[in-house]
Amino acid sequence: MTEQRLNGFPMGAKAMLVAIGLAMLAGCATRPSPDVLNPVRLPVHLPGHLNASLHSDEAAANHVNVLAATNRSPDTARGGFGSAWADNLTYEQYAFSVPPNRKDTAITYPTARPDPERQFAVIGRKQLAKAAFVQAALGSVQSDGTVGIFVHGYNYSYQEALFRTAQIAADANIPGSPILFSWPSAAAVAGYVADRDAALSSRSDLDSLITSLSASGKVKRVILFGHSMGGFLVMETVRELKLQHRDDVIGKLAVILAAPDIDVDVFRSQLKDIGRMPIPISLLVSKDDRALVASSFIAGERARVGRLDIDDPVIREAALKERLRVIDITSIQASDGMGRYASLAKFGAQLASFESGKRSTAGEVGAYVFDAAGAAVASPFRLAGRVVGSQ
C-alpha cells in the first residue's frame, strides 16, 4: 500500500510532529496538584526569604507578589480551581518565595517540606472581593502608570499558570504585582478544541478585568501579554472592546502576543475589525515552534501567526501595512513550549519600554530579530527602522 502523504510529509511523520508538539505543550511529565497553592512556612534561619504571611513587614530579596483573576470554578475539595466554567470571576492575591540563582525558566514545585533554595513556594494567599482586588492592582501600578496582565495558553492548570506568572515576574524584576488572568483550560493534551471554546467564552470576563483597571486615571498603560491560545483570547477581547466603541480602553493597551495560536486569516479579520491601535501590536514569533506545528495540523494545515517567517517579503509588507511589530525570537533557546517566551522576562526592561509607548512611532513597526543578547534589531531585510533594545 502506498503511504499517504500530506503537504509532502508522510502521514506517520506528521503524526510524530504532532506528538512532539503536544508533548511540548504538556510541559513537565509530573504536573502539580492544587496542593502547591497551600501556603507554607519556610525555615526562619534562611536569609533572604519571606517567612510570614502576605502582610509581613520583613524585607525579602527573593519573593514576588501575584494577583490572579479567574473564571474557573473553584475546586473546594482541594483548594484550587478546575476546568469547569464559572459564572463569576474569583480574585486572589499570592506571595511567592522564589529560589535564588536560577539558571533557566524551569519551575520546581514545592514538596511536603519545601526547599526554598530550589523550589518555588506559595507563602501567602487570600481571596479578595473585586473592589479590594482592583485597589491592590492600583497600588501596584508602576511609576509610569503601567500595569501588566498575563493570559496563559492551551493546556494549563490554574496552579501552573500562577507559578509561571511568578517566575516571569521574578526574572523580569517587575515592581508591584503582575496580574494573571486564568481562563478554564482543560489542562489536558486532548483538550485542544475544548480549550478553544473556553477561551472564546472568556472574552467578556477578560474585558471586565481590563475595563476595571483602565477606568482609573492612575493607569496609563495596560500591557496585555497573551501566550499561545491566550493570544487568541486577547485579540478576541480587544475586538470586543472595539465593537463596544471603548476606544478609551483600547488607547491604553499595549498588546504582546507570544507564539499566538491564531489562524492567519482569522488574525487578518481581527485586525480589520480592531483597526490600527495607538500602540502597535507586537508578535513574538519563531519559525521552529513545534507546538504550533501540532496546532496547525489539528486545524487542517492552516498557518498559525506564531510561526510567521519575517524573511518572507509578504510578511514584511503586511507588518508595515497593518502597523505591527513582528519580532523573531528563534535565537532564544528553551527546553519547553513556554520556556522561550518566559526567557524573555530577563529582557523585561527592554520589552516594557518598547511596549509602553515610550518608543512608539510609526517608524518602529515592521520586522525585527530579537537576539540572544537582549536586543530587538531591525531585520536585515527591512527597509526602514532603527535598533531597538539594549545598546
Protein backbone atom coordinates (compact mmCIF):
# COMPACT_ATOMS: atom_id res chain seq x y z
CA MET A 1 0.00 0.00 0.00
CA THR A 2 1.29 3.42 -0.93
CA GLU A 3 1.98 5.60 2.09
CA GLN A 4 -0.30 8.63 2.34
CA ARG A 5 1.40 11.99 2.30
CA LEU A 6 0.23 15.42 3.45
CA ASN A 7 1.97 18.56 2.12
CA GLY A 8 4.99 16.48 1.18
CA PHE A 9 5.33 14.74 4.56
CA PRO A 10 4.42 11.10 5.19
CA MET A 11 1.36 10.89 7.44
CA GLY A 12 3.42 8.99 10.01
CA ALA A 13 5.96 11.79 10.14
CA LYS A 14 3.19 14.32 10.56
CA ALA A 15 1.74 12.32 13.42
CA MET A 16 5.14 12.26 15.08
CA LEU A 17 5.48 16.05 14.74
CA VAL A 18 2.07 16.44 16.34
CA ALA A 19 3.09 14.18 19.21
CA ILE A 20 6.26 16.21 19.77
CA GLY A 21 4.35 19.47 19.70
CA LEU A 22 1.68 18.27 22.08
CA ALA A 23 4.32 16.91 24.43
CA MET A 24 5.95 20.34 24.49
CA LEU A 25 2.62 21.95 25.22
CA ALA A 26 2.03 19.47 28.01
CA GLY A 27 5.13 20.72 29.83
CA CYS A 28 6.60 18.57 32.55
CA ALA A 29 5.71 14.91 32.91
CA THR A 30 4.54 15.29 36.50
CA ARG A 31 2.00 18.07 36.79
CA PRO A 32 1.43 19.91 40.09
CA SER A 33 -1.73 19.30 42.06
CA PRO A 34 -3.71 22.12 43.71
CA ASP A 35 -1.81 21.28 46.91
CA VAL A 36 1.01 23.57 45.72
CA LEU A 37 -1.36 26.51 46.29
CA ASN A 38 -1.39 25.93 50.05
CA PRO A 39 0.86 28.47 51.82
CA VAL A 40 3.92 27.03 53.55
CA ARG A 41 6.12 28.40 56.31
CA LEU A 42 9.80 28.41 55.50
CA PRO A 43 12.67 27.86 57.97
CA VAL A 44 13.41 31.11 59.79
CA HIS A 45 17.18 30.74 59.57
CA LEU A 46 17.28 31.01 55.80
CA PRO A 47 18.31 34.55 54.78
CA GLY A 48 16.64 36.47 52.02
CA HIS A 49 13.27 34.73 52.14
CA LEU A 50 9.90 35.87 53.32
CA ASN A 51 8.87 33.68 56.24
CA ALA A 52 5.49 35.10 57.07
CA SER A 53 2.09 35.99 55.70
CA LEU A 54 1.04 38.28 52.89
CA HIS A 55 1.21 41.25 55.27
CA SER A 56 4.68 40.72 56.73
CA ASP A 57 6.84 43.82 57.04
CA GLU A 58 10.06 41.81 56.76
CA ALA A 59 12.31 42.57 53.82
CA ALA A 60 12.72 39.74 51.33
CA ALA A 61 15.14 39.61 48.41
CA ASN A 62 13.57 36.51 46.86
CA HIS A 63 9.84 36.92 46.88
CA VAL A 64 7.19 38.21 44.48
CA ASN A 65 3.52 39.01 44.76
CA VAL A 66 0.95 37.99 42.14
CA LEU A 67 -2.69 38.94 41.69
CA ALA A 68 -4.95 36.44 39.96
CA ALA A 69 -8.42 36.67 38.43
CA THR A 70 -10.07 33.51 37.12
CA ASN A 71 -13.37 32.39 35.66
CA ARG A 72 -12.65 28.77 36.55
CA SER A 73 -14.97 27.05 39.01
CA PRO A 74 -13.45 26.55 42.47
CA ASP A 75 -12.31 23.05 43.40
CA THR A 76 -13.40 23.30 47.03
CA ALA A 77 -12.23 19.79 47.90
CA ARG A 78 -8.60 20.52 47.02
CA GLY A 79 -8.45 24.28 47.40
CA GLY A 80 -7.77 25.12 43.78
CA PHE A 81 -9.65 25.73 40.55
CA GLY A 82 -10.68 23.23 37.91
CA SER A 83 -11.58 23.36 34.23
CA ALA A 84 -15.32 23.97 34.60
CA TRP A 85 -16.58 27.42 33.63
CA ALA A 86 -17.75 29.69 36.43
CA ASP A 87 -20.43 32.37 36.21
CA ASN A 88 -18.30 34.92 38.05
CA LEU A 89 -14.66 35.88 38.42
CA THR A 90 -12.76 34.89 41.56
CA TYR A 91 -9.98 37.21 42.72
CA GLU A 92 -6.92 36.17 44.72
CA GLN A 93 -3.62 37.56 45.99
CA TYR A 94 -0.47 35.46 46.42
CA ALA A 95 3.03 35.85 47.79
CA PHE A 96 5.76 33.54 46.47
CA SER A 97 9.18 32.51 47.68
CA VAL A 98 11.44 32.35 44.64
CA PRO A 99 14.62 30.24 44.57
CA PRO A 100 17.75 32.36 44.02
CA ASN A 101 20.39 31.78 41.35
CA ARG A 102 18.06 30.17 38.82
CA LYS A 103 19.81 29.31 35.56
CA ASP A 104 16.75 28.80 33.33
CA THR A 105 12.97 29.13 33.26
CA ALA A 106 12.23 25.70 34.71
CA ILE A 107 9.88 25.70 37.70
CA THR A 108 10.48 23.25 40.53
CA TYR A 109 7.27 22.88 42.53
CA PRO A 110 7.26 22.61 46.33
CA THR A 111 7.21 19.25 48.09
CA ALA A 112 5.84 18.46 51.56
CA ARG A 113 8.99 20.01 53.02
CA PRO A 114 9.86 22.73 50.50
CA ASP A 115 13.43 23.71 49.84
CA PRO A 116 13.47 27.48 49.14
CA GLU A 117 16.89 27.19 47.53
CA ARG A 118 15.46 25.02 44.75
CA GLN A 119 11.68 25.29 44.76
CA PHE A 120 9.08 27.98 44.20
CA ALA A 121 6.54 28.05 47.02
CA VAL A 122 3.39 29.93 47.98
CA ILE A 123 3.93 31.67 51.31
CA GLY A 124 0.76 33.75 51.39
CA ARG A 125 -2.68 33.51 49.83
CA LYS A 126 -6.03 35.16 50.30
CA GLN A 127 -9.23 35.70 48.34
CA LEU A 128 -10.33 39.26 47.61
CA ALA A 129 -13.55 40.98 46.71
CA LYS A 130 -13.48 42.71 43.32
CA ALA A 131 -13.12 46.19 44.81
CA ALA A 132 -10.23 45.08 47.03
CA PHE A 133 -8.57 43.35 44.07
CA VAL A 134 -8.76 46.50 41.94
CA GLN A 135 -7.34 48.56 44.80
CA ALA A 136 -4.48 46.07 45.22
CA ALA A 137 -3.79 46.25 41.50
CA LEU A 138 -3.84 50.04 41.51
CA GLY A 139 -1.49 50.02 44.48
CA SER A 140 0.97 48.03 42.36
CA VAL A 141 0.89 50.30 39.32
CA GLN A 142 4.43 51.17 38.24
CA SER A 143 5.70 54.74 38.47
CA ASP A 144 4.96 55.34 34.78
CA GLY A 145 1.36 54.17 35.20
CA THR A 146 1.89 50.69 33.73
CA VAL A 147 0.15 47.52 34.85
CA GLY A 148 0.66 44.06 33.30
CA ILE A 149 -1.77 41.19 32.65
CA PHE A 150 -0.59 37.70 31.62
CA VAL A 151 -3.04 35.40 29.81
CA HIS A 152 -1.83 31.79 29.63
CA GLY A 153 -2.26 29.39 26.74
CA TYR A 154 -3.67 25.96 25.96
CA ASN A 155 -3.24 23.02 28.35
CA TYR A 156 -2.56 25.00 31.53
CA SER A 157 -3.93 24.33 35.00
CA TYR A 158 -4.55 27.25 37.35
CA GLN A 159 -1.54 26.42 39.50
CA GLU A 160 0.78 26.04 36.51
CA ALA A 161 -0.28 29.42 35.16
CA LEU A 162 0.11 31.03 38.57
CA PHE A 163 3.63 29.69 39.17
CA ARG A 164 4.62 30.67 35.63
CA THR A 165 3.46 34.22 36.30
CA ALA A 166 5.56 34.28 39.46
CA GLN A 167 8.62 33.07 37.52
CA ILE A 168 8.19 35.71 34.82
CA ALA A 169 7.68 38.43 37.44
CA ALA A 170 10.80 37.37 39.34
CA ASP A 171 13.03 37.14 36.28
CA ALA A 172 11.78 40.45 34.87
CA ASN A 173 12.19 42.09 38.28
CA ILE A 174 8.74 43.63 37.85
CA PRO A 175 7.84 46.10 40.60
CA GLY A 176 4.44 45.63 42.19
CA SER A 177 2.16 42.70 41.47
CA PRO A 178 1.63 41.35 37.94
CA ILE A 179 -1.86 40.08 37.21
CA LEU A 180 -2.73 36.62 35.92
CA PHE A 181 -5.98 36.07 34.05
CA SER A 182 -6.62 32.32 34.11
CA TRP A 183 -9.36 31.00 31.85
CA PRO A 184 -10.80 27.46 32.22
CA SER A 185 -8.34 25.41 30.18
CA ALA A 186 -8.99 21.67 30.44
CA ALA A 187 -5.28 21.22 31.23
CA ALA A 188 -5.23 18.11 29.06
CA VAL A 189 -3.33 17.33 25.86
CA ALA A 190 -6.54 16.09 24.22
CA GLY A 191 -8.45 19.23 25.24
CA TYR A 192 -7.48 21.49 22.34
CA VAL A 193 -10.99 22.02 20.97
CA ALA A 194 -12.47 22.35 24.46
CA ASP A 195 -9.80 24.94 25.30
CA ARG A 196 -10.61 26.98 22.21
CA ASP A 197 -14.27 27.07 23.27
CA ALA A 198 -13.26 28.02 26.82
CA ALA A 199 -11.08 30.83 25.52
CA LEU A 200 -13.93 32.21 23.43
CA SER A 201 -16.27 32.01 26.42
CA SER A 202 -13.82 34.10 28.48
CA ARG A 203 -13.84 37.24 26.34
CA SER A 204 -16.32 39.16 28.47
CA ASP A 205 -14.53 38.28 31.71
CA LEU A 206 -11.16 39.46 30.41
CA ASP A 207 -12.93 42.53 29.03
CA SER A 208 -14.34 43.21 32.52
CA LEU A 209 -10.91 42.91 34.14
CA ILE A 210 -9.20 45.23 31.65
CA THR A 211 -12.02 47.78 31.83
CA SER A 212 -12.00 47.81 35.64
CA LEU A 213 -8.28 48.57 35.74
CA SER A 214 -8.19 51.10 32.91
CA ALA A 215 -11.03 53.11 34.49
CA SER A 216 -8.52 54.59 36.93
CA GLY A 217 -6.66 57.69 35.86
CA LYS A 218 -3.66 56.21 37.67
CA VAL A 219 -3.37 53.55 34.94
CA LYS A 220 -1.77 54.98 31.80
CA ARG A 221 -0.83 51.72 30.08
CA VAL A 222 -2.04 48.10 30.33
CA ILE A 223 0.47 45.61 28.93
CA LEU A 224 -1.63 42.65 27.80
CA PHE A 225 0.62 39.60 27.26
CA GLY A 226 -1.08 36.58 25.70
CA HIS A 227 0.71 33.29 25.10
CA SER A 228 -0.39 30.70 22.54
CA MET A 229 -4.19 30.32 22.71
CA GLY A 230 -4.17 33.10 25.27
CA GLY A 231 -3.13 35.36 22.38
CA PHE A 232 -6.30 34.33 20.54
CA LEU A 233 -8.33 35.26 23.65
CA VAL A 234 -6.54 38.61 23.90
CA MET A 235 -7.26 39.50 20.27
CA GLU A 236 -10.91 38.48 20.58
CA THR A 237 -11.24 40.62 23.70
CA VAL A 238 -9.66 43.66 22.05
CA ARG A 239 -12.01 43.12 19.10
CA GLU A 240 -14.95 43.03 21.52
CA LEU A 241 -13.81 46.29 23.12
CA LYS A 242 -13.57 47.89 19.67
CA LEU A 243 -17.09 46.79 18.74
CA GLN A 244 -18.25 48.35 22.03
CA HIS A 245 -16.54 51.60 20.95
CA ARG A 246 -14.32 51.51 24.04
CA ASP A 247 -11.52 53.49 22.45
CA ASP A 248 -10.76 54.94 25.89
CA VAL A 249 -9.71 51.45 27.00
CA ILE A 250 -8.03 50.42 23.75
CA GLY A 251 -5.95 53.61 23.85
CA LYS A 252 -4.22 52.30 26.99
CA LEU A 253 -3.48 48.80 25.68
CA ALA A 254 -0.05 47.52 24.67
CA VAL A 255 -0.71 44.05 23.23
CA ILE A 256 2.05 41.44 23.08
CA LEU A 257 1.23 38.08 21.51
CA ALA A 258 3.79 35.35 22.19
CA ALA A 259 3.56 32.39 19.79
CA PRO A 260 -0.06 33.32 19.07
CA ASP A 261 -2.09 30.25 18.19
CA ILE A 262 -4.27 32.12 15.73
CA ASP A 263 -5.16 31.19 12.18
CA VAL A 264 -3.56 33.74 9.84
CA ASP A 265 -6.84 34.55 8.11
CA VAL A 266 -8.68 34.84 11.44
CA PHE A 267 -5.97 37.24 12.61
CA ARG A 268 -6.40 39.31 9.46
CA SER A 269 -10.13 39.51 10.17
CA GLN A 270 -9.49 40.52 13.79
CA LEU A 271 -7.14 43.28 12.65
CA LYS A 272 -9.74 44.54 10.20
CA ASP A 273 -12.31 44.88 12.99
CA ILE A 274 -9.88 46.38 15.51
CA GLY A 275 -8.17 48.81 13.18
CA ARG A 276 -4.87 50.49 13.95
CA MET A 277 -4.13 50.68 17.66
CA PRO A 278 -2.35 53.68 19.20
CA ILE A 279 0.42 51.33 20.35
CA PRO A 280 1.20 48.78 17.61
CA ILE A 281 0.52 45.13 18.39
CA SER A 282 3.72 43.08 18.85
CA LEU A 283 4.01 39.50 17.66
CA LEU A 284 6.76 37.31 19.13
CA VAL A 285 7.26 34.55 16.60
CA SER A 286 9.53 31.59 15.96
CA LYS A 287 9.77 29.59 12.77
CA ASP A 288 10.70 26.42 14.66
CA ASP A 289 7.85 26.45 17.20
CA ARG A 290 6.94 22.75 17.17
CA ALA A 291 3.89 23.24 19.36
CA LEU A 292 2.36 25.41 16.65
CA VAL A 293 3.22 22.77 14.05
CA ALA A 294 0.91 20.48 16.02
CA SER A 295 -1.73 23.19 16.28
CA SER A 296 -1.59 23.78 12.55
CA PHE A 297 -2.00 20.07 11.87
CA ILE A 298 -5.07 19.88 14.16
CA ALA A 299 -6.53 22.84 12.30
CA GLY A 300 -6.16 21.16 8.91
CA GLU A 301 -2.73 22.54 7.99
CA ARG A 302 -3.83 26.14 8.46
CA ALA A 303 -0.93 28.54 9.03
CA ARG A 304 -0.55 29.99 12.54
CA VAL A 305 0.51 33.57 13.28
CA GLY A 306 3.15 32.45 15.78
CA ARG A 307 5.23 30.82 13.03
CA LEU A 308 5.39 33.76 10.64
CA ASP A 309 8.65 34.00 8.69
CA ILE A 310 9.94 37.58 8.86
CA ASP A 311 12.24 36.84 5.92
CA ASP A 312 9.15 36.49 3.73
CA PRO A 313 8.62 39.76 1.78
CA VAL A 314 4.85 39.29 2.07
CA ILE A 315 5.10 39.20 5.86
CA ARG A 316 7.37 42.26 5.95
CA GLU A 317 4.97 44.19 3.74
CA ALA A 318 1.98 43.11 5.83
CA ALA A 319 3.70 44.18 9.07
CA LEU A 320 4.24 47.67 7.71
CA LYS A 321 0.77 47.89 6.19
CA GLU A 322 -1.02 46.71 9.33
CA ARG A 323 1.33 48.66 11.64
CA LEU A 324 2.56 45.59 13.50
CA ARG A 325 5.84 44.72 15.18
CA VAL A 326 6.80 41.18 14.21
CA ILE A 327 9.75 40.10 16.35
CA ASP A 328 11.54 36.83 15.59
CA ILE A 329 12.91 35.27 18.80
CA THR A 330 14.08 31.97 17.31
CA SER A 331 17.59 32.64 18.65
CA ILE A 332 16.38 32.28 22.25
CA GLN A 333 16.63 28.64 23.21
CA ALA A 334 14.45 26.88 25.77
CA SER A 335 13.52 23.38 26.85
CA ASP A 336 9.72 23.60 26.67
CA GLY A 337 6.87 25.30 24.84
CA MET A 338 6.60 28.30 27.14
CA GLY A 339 10.25 28.48 28.14
CA ARG A 340 11.40 30.50 25.13
CA TYR A 341 8.87 33.22 25.87
CA ALA A 342 9.41 33.04 29.62
CA SER A 343 13.11 33.55 28.92
CA LEU A 344 12.24 36.98 27.60
CA ALA A 345 11.49 38.02 31.18
CA LYS A 346 15.15 38.80 31.79
CA PHE A 347 14.85 41.34 28.99
CA GLY A 348 11.72 42.78 30.57
CA ALA A 349 13.01 46.35 30.77
CA GLN A 350 13.68 46.48 27.04
CA LEU A 351 10.33 44.95 26.11
CA ALA A 352 8.43 47.03 28.65
CA SER A 353 9.81 50.31 27.31
CA PHE A 354 9.24 49.10 23.77
CA GLU A 355 5.61 48.24 24.52
CA SER A 356 4.71 51.00 26.97
CA GLY A 357 4.62 53.59 24.23
CA LYS A 358 7.86 55.32 25.17
CA ARG A 359 9.28 54.40 21.78
CA SER A 360 6.05 54.08 19.88
CA THR A 361 6.48 55.66 16.46
CA ALA A 362 5.30 54.64 13.04
CA GLY A 363 8.94 54.04 12.09
CA GLU A 364 9.21 51.21 14.60
CA VAL A 365 6.66 48.91 13.07
CA GLY A 366 7.84 46.13 10.79
CA ALA A 367 10.06 43.08 11.21
CA TYR A 368 12.71 42.64 13.89
CA VAL A 369 15.03 39.96 15.20
CA PHE A 370 15.42 39.64 18.96
CA ASP A 371 18.94 38.40 19.52
CA ALA A 372 20.28 36.35 22.42
CA ALA A 373 21.96 39.43 23.91
CA GLY A 374 18.59 41.02 24.53
CA ALA A 375 18.21 43.49 21.68
CA ALA A 376 15.43 43.74 19.12
CA VAL A 377 17.28 44.80 15.99
CA ALA A 378 15.79 45.70 12.65
CA SER A 379 15.65 42.77 10.29
CA PRO A 380 18.35 42.99 7.60
CA PHE A 381 15.53 42.58 5.11
CA ARG A 382 13.56 45.50 6.50
CA LEU A 383 13.51 48.72 4.51
CA ALA A 384 13.43 51.14 7.43
CA GLY A 385 13.77 51.31 11.18
CA ARG A 386 16.38 51.53 13.86
CA VAL A 387 17.85 49.34 16.54
CA VAL A 388 15.54 48.80 19.50
CA GLY A 389 16.59 47.34 22.81
CA SER A 390 19.80 47.40 24.82
CA GLN A 391 22.72 49.22 23.24
